[in-house]
Every structure is written in C-alpha cells, then in structure tokens.
Amino acid sequence: MKSRISNQAPALSTYIELNQKHGYGYQARMVMDGIIDSVIDTEPFTLDEAYSGATLAIEEINKETGYNYDPQKVIRIAGNAIEGNKSRDFTTARVARDIERGRGELTHPAGHDYAIMAIDGKEEELLSGRGVVLVTFLSWRDEKMPKAHEALRRYCEYLALHGYGSGASDMLVELDGMDTERAVSWIKATYGKYVKDNLALLRHVLPGVV
C-alpha cells in the first residue's frame, strides 16, 4: 500500500464480488475516492476468505495512515456474486437462502449485520463480522455442516478466552440446546459484550483465512 497523507480520510468502499480472474469464487476490490486502489483476486476465495482478507486490508490501511475506517461500514457484497457462488461454500449458501426466504432479520437484525442497499443504482449486500458468526450458526442449525459447527466451537473458545464464565465445551452444548431465536439472541449478546476486536475474532473463528 502506498502512503497517503491527507487531513481528511478519502472515501473508501470495498466490494466483495465475483472473481473476474477465475470466473468463480470471490475477489475484493478496494476503491478510494472513486479510483480502484487494489484488487485481491489471486484465488477464487470463499465468502469468509474474501471478507476476512478485505477486513485485514482495511486494518492495515488504518495502521499505515491513521485513518479509522470501519470494515462493517465499507465492505459491500455484490448480489450477483452471492447468486453465482451459492453452491460453493456454506456462508454463501446461508446468505442466499436467507435472501430467498426473507429471513435476513434473523441473521442480521436491525441492519447492524446485514442490509440490502442501493449504491450507484445497484443493489449491494453488506455483511458484518457478527453477521458471519450468525450465518455460521444458521448453517449448522439448518444444514448440519460440520465446518460450521467447528467454527461455532472456536467462537465459544474465543468467548471463554475473553471472560465468559464457562468453558467452550459447556458453552457449545448450551448453544446447541437453544431454539433458533434464543441462540441468535445469545450470539448477539455475547458478541456485543466479549468481542472488542472484530479482526481478532475472525482470526480465531476462521484460522488460516485471516
């Protein structure tokens, strides 16, 4: 990244979109003040990988420049990329299914985790770190995907390491026993209380991705 010195942070948008180099999977395109700054497209990334890579890139920009971009506010997911990749990874499948079923309010309540917005005349989906955890939970609850359950176990580990009053195994058993509405509320509450560093959480829940 080239150094940028300015009194005011330039407008930053980061688009998670269909990987143009490979024709499938995702890439991350970062746009500064309307000009393409960089494209992360070396692999046909999964949604989790592309989101986490974009988050890391934004954190690096913040460290380098002193700006304070919030990944949850600048990362946008293109709707055609969701449609084109929904059979490739469980997070995409979960988001696509939520859109089709009109269940976005469960995974991404009150617009804090997920929203569809009109940007430059085109619809874009926005996904936050908490949204990733909730999507992972619903992937396990509805599709029984082992990788999703393993990611939930790591989320419980993260909570245990950051002050939650019981161990990860007990926490996961408790979570598995909740109905969907209660579990979503529990994840929202624990994320708000114990997750202070979104990037650190993603690194723990998605090891090897960030």
Protein backbone atom coordinates (compact mmCIF):
# COMPACT_ATOMS: atom_id res chain seq x y z
CA MET A 1 0.00 0.00 0.00
CA LYS A 2 1.35 3.45 -0.89
CA SER A 3 1.48 6.02 1.91
CA ARG A 4 -1.31 8.60 1.87
CA ILE A 5 -1.04 11.89 3.74
CA SER A 6 -4.24 13.92 4.00
CA ASN A 7 -6.13 15.90 6.60
CA GLN A 8 -9.30 14.07 5.70
CA ALA A 9 -9.75 10.37 5.01
CA PRO A 10 -10.71 9.70 1.39
CA ALA A 11 -13.93 7.80 0.76
CA LEU A 12 -13.27 4.05 0.87
CA SER A 13 -15.52 1.31 -0.49
CA THR A 14 -14.57 -2.36 -0.58
CA TYR A 15 -16.56 -4.65 -2.84
CA ILE A 16 -16.72 -8.42 -2.40
CA GLU A 17 -17.66 -9.56 -5.88
CA LEU A 18 -17.38 -12.37 -8.41
CA ASN A 19 -13.73 -13.22 -9.04
CA GLN A 20 -13.04 -11.94 -12.56
CA LYS A 21 -9.70 -13.75 -12.96
CA HIS A 22 -11.11 -17.22 -12.21
CA GLY A 23 -14.77 -16.79 -13.17
CA TYR A 24 -15.99 -18.14 -9.82
CA GLY A 25 -15.39 -17.53 -6.13
CA TYR A 26 -14.85 -14.03 -4.79
CA GLN A 27 -12.42 -11.15 -5.09
CA ALA A 28 -12.13 -7.96 -3.04
CA ARG A 29 -11.93 -4.64 -4.91
CA MET A 30 -10.93 -1.58 -2.89
CA VAL A 31 -11.94 1.84 -4.22
CA MET A 32 -10.53 5.11 -2.82
CA ASP A 33 -12.37 8.30 -3.84
CA GLY A 34 -13.85 6.51 -6.84
CA ILE A 35 -10.49 5.15 -8.08
CA ILE A 36 -9.61 1.44 -7.86
CA ASP A 37 -6.83 1.16 -5.27
CA SER A 38 -6.27 -2.59 -5.33
CA VAL A 39 -7.90 -5.90 -6.25
CA ILE A 40 -7.37 -9.07 -4.17
CA ASP A 41 -8.10 -11.84 -6.67
CA THR A 42 -5.18 -14.29 -6.55
CA GLU A 43 -7.53 -17.18 -5.67
CA PRO A 44 -11.26 -17.87 -6.12
CA PHE A 45 -11.86 -17.08 -2.45
CA THR A 46 -14.83 -18.25 -0.39
CA LEU A 47 -17.05 -15.54 1.08
CA ASP A 48 -15.41 -15.92 4.50
CA GLU A 49 -11.93 -15.71 2.98
CA ALA A 50 -12.74 -12.65 0.87
CA TYR A 51 -14.46 -10.87 3.75
CA SER A 52 -11.62 -11.62 6.15
CA GLY A 53 -8.96 -10.62 3.62
CA ALA A 54 -10.76 -7.32 2.97
CA THR A 55 -11.05 -6.72 6.73
CA LEU A 56 -7.31 -7.31 7.16
CA ALA A 57 -6.50 -4.94 4.28
CA ILE A 58 -8.66 -2.21 5.83
CA GLU A 59 -6.98 -2.68 9.21
CA GLU A 60 -3.58 -2.34 7.51
CA ILE A 61 -4.69 0.88 5.82
CA ASN A 62 -5.81 2.22 9.20
CA LYS A 63 -2.43 1.40 10.77
CA GLU A 64 -0.48 2.89 7.86
CA THR A 65 -2.46 6.11 7.51
CA GLY A 66 -4.02 6.76 10.91
CA TYR A 67 -7.48 6.69 9.38
CA ASN A 68 -10.29 4.86 11.18
CA TYR A 69 -12.30 3.01 8.53
CA ASP A 70 -14.87 0.61 9.98
CA PRO A 71 -14.89 -2.62 7.92
CA GLN A 72 -18.54 -3.21 8.81
CA LYS A 73 -19.45 0.09 7.13
CA VAL A 74 -17.30 -0.04 4.00
CA ILE A 75 -17.44 -3.70 2.91
CA ARG A 76 -20.19 -4.46 0.41
CA ILE A 77 -21.10 -7.80 -1.12
CA ALA A 78 -22.39 -7.82 -4.69
CA GLY A 79 -25.68 -9.67 -5.11
CA ASN A 80 -24.63 -11.36 -8.36
CA ALA A 81 -21.58 -12.82 -6.56
CA ILE A 82 -23.86 -14.38 -3.93
CA GLU A 83 -26.05 -15.90 -6.63
CA GLY A 84 -23.07 -17.17 -8.63
CA ASN A 85 -21.33 -18.78 -5.64
CA LYS A 86 -24.17 -20.12 -3.51
CA SER A 87 -23.22 -23.74 -4.18
CA ARG A 88 -19.53 -23.22 -3.29
CA ASP A 89 -19.39 -22.53 0.45
CA PHE A 90 -21.72 -22.67 3.43
CA THR A 91 -21.66 -18.95 4.23
CA THR A 92 -22.75 -18.01 0.71
CA ALA A 93 -25.40 -20.73 0.75
CA ARG A 94 -26.71 -19.42 4.05
CA VAL A 95 -26.85 -15.79 2.93
CA ALA A 96 -28.52 -16.77 -0.37
CA ARG A 97 -31.08 -18.85 1.48
CA ASP A 98 -31.82 -16.02 3.91
CA ILE A 99 -32.42 -13.68 0.98
CA GLU A 100 -34.70 -16.19 -0.75
CA ARG A 101 -36.69 -16.92 2.40
CA GLY A 102 -36.87 -13.33 3.61
CA ARG A 103 -35.13 -14.35 6.84
CA GLY A 104 -32.49 -11.63 6.89
CA GLU A 105 -33.89 -10.26 10.13
CA LEU A 106 -32.79 -13.44 11.96
CA THR A 107 -29.23 -13.43 10.73
CA HIS A 108 -28.74 -9.68 10.52
CA PRO A 109 -31.27 -7.89 12.76
CA ALA A 110 -31.86 -4.14 12.67
CA GLY A 111 -29.43 -3.64 9.81
CA HIS A 112 -26.38 -4.00 12.03
CA ASP A 113 -25.18 -7.20 10.37
CA TYR A 114 -26.85 -7.35 7.01
CA ALA A 115 -28.67 -4.98 4.72
CA ILE A 116 -29.54 -4.57 1.05
CA MET A 117 -28.77 -1.04 -0.12
CA ALA A 118 -28.99 0.76 -3.46
CA ILE A 119 -25.48 2.02 -4.24
CA ASP A 120 -24.84 3.83 -7.52
CA GLY A 121 -28.12 2.44 -8.79
CA LYS A 122 -27.25 -1.20 -7.98
CA GLU A 123 -28.29 -3.37 -5.05
CA GLU A 124 -25.44 -4.41 -2.74
CA GLU A 125 -25.42 -6.70 0.33
CA LEU A 126 -23.48 -5.63 3.45
CA LEU A 127 -22.19 -8.21 5.95
CA SER A 128 -20.50 -7.63 9.31
CA GLY A 129 -18.27 -9.81 11.49
CA ARG A 130 -21.17 -10.58 13.80
CA GLY A 131 -23.16 -11.45 10.70
CA VAL A 132 -20.51 -14.04 9.79
CA VAL A 133 -20.95 -15.73 13.20
CA LEU A 134 -24.73 -15.71 12.88
CA VAL A 135 -24.59 -17.04 9.32
CA THR A 136 -22.29 -19.80 10.58
CA PHE A 137 -24.75 -20.70 13.33
CA LEU A 138 -27.69 -20.90 10.91
CA SER A 139 -25.60 -23.00 8.53
CA TRP A 140 -25.11 -25.51 11.33
CA ARG A 141 -28.71 -25.33 12.56
CA ASP A 142 -30.31 -25.75 9.13
CA GLU A 143 -27.74 -27.70 7.10
CA LYS A 144 -25.77 -29.51 9.85
CA MET A 145 -22.47 -28.58 8.19
CA PRO A 146 -19.53 -29.89 10.29
CA LYS A 147 -17.28 -26.96 9.35
CA ALA A 148 -19.92 -24.56 10.62
CA HIS A 149 -20.12 -26.41 13.95
CA GLU A 150 -16.33 -26.33 14.25
CA ALA A 151 -16.37 -22.57 13.65
CA LEU A 152 -19.01 -22.21 16.39
CA ARG A 153 -16.77 -24.20 18.74
CA ARG A 154 -13.97 -21.73 18.03
CA TYR A 155 -16.35 -18.85 18.70
CA CYS A 156 -17.09 -20.39 22.09
CA GLU A 157 -13.34 -20.78 22.67
CA TYR A 158 -12.89 -17.08 21.92
CA LEU A 159 -15.60 -16.18 24.45
CA ALA A 160 -14.01 -18.42 27.08
CA LEU A 161 -10.64 -16.73 26.50
CA HIS A 162 -12.20 -13.29 26.90
CA GLY A 163 -14.07 -13.61 30.15
CA TYR A 164 -17.18 -15.73 29.60
CA GLY A 165 -17.92 -17.65 32.77
CA SER A 166 -17.77 -21.23 31.44
CA GLY A 167 -15.65 -23.39 29.16
CA ALA A 168 -16.04 -23.72 25.41
CA SER A 169 -17.40 -27.28 25.51
CA ASP A 170 -20.13 -26.43 28.01
CA MET A 171 -20.95 -23.28 26.08
CA LEU A 172 -21.33 -25.18 22.81
CA VAL A 173 -23.60 -27.78 24.44
CA GLU A 174 -25.72 -24.94 25.81
CA LEU A 175 -25.87 -23.24 22.42
CA ASP A 176 -26.81 -26.47 20.64
CA GLY A 177 -29.71 -26.91 23.06
CA MET A 178 -31.25 -23.49 22.39
CA ASP A 179 -34.01 -22.84 19.90
CA THR A 180 -33.04 -20.65 16.96
CA GLU A 181 -34.45 -17.37 18.27
CA ARG A 182 -32.81 -17.75 21.68
CA ALA A 183 -29.49 -18.81 20.13
CA VAL A 184 -29.44 -15.78 17.82
CA SER A 185 -30.11 -13.52 20.82
CA TRP A 186 -27.34 -15.25 22.79
CA ILE A 187 -24.83 -14.75 19.98
CA LYS A 188 -25.80 -11.09 19.64
CA ALA A 189 -25.43 -10.56 23.39
CA THR A 190 -22.11 -12.39 23.75
CA TYR A 191 -20.65 -10.73 20.66
CA GLY A 192 -21.56 -7.31 21.99
CA LYS A 193 -20.11 -8.00 25.44
CA TYR A 194 -16.97 -10.02 24.73
CA VAL A 195 -15.83 -9.17 21.19
CA LYS A 196 -13.88 -5.92 21.21
CA ASP A 197 -11.64 -6.67 18.24
CA ASN A 198 -13.53 -7.82 15.15
CA LEU A 199 -10.37 -8.85 13.29
CA ALA A 200 -9.03 -10.90 16.23
CA LEU A 201 -12.37 -12.70 16.45
CA LEU A 202 -12.31 -13.55 12.74
CA ARG A 203 -8.73 -14.80 13.04
CA HIS A 204 -9.77 -17.17 15.83
CA VAL A 205 -13.02 -18.40 14.28
CA LEU A 206 -11.59 -18.66 10.75
CA PRO A 207 -7.96 -19.75 11.29
CA GLY A 208 -5.85 -19.79 8.17
CA VAL A 209 -8.20 -17.39 6.42
CA VAL A 210 -7.04 -14.13 8.03
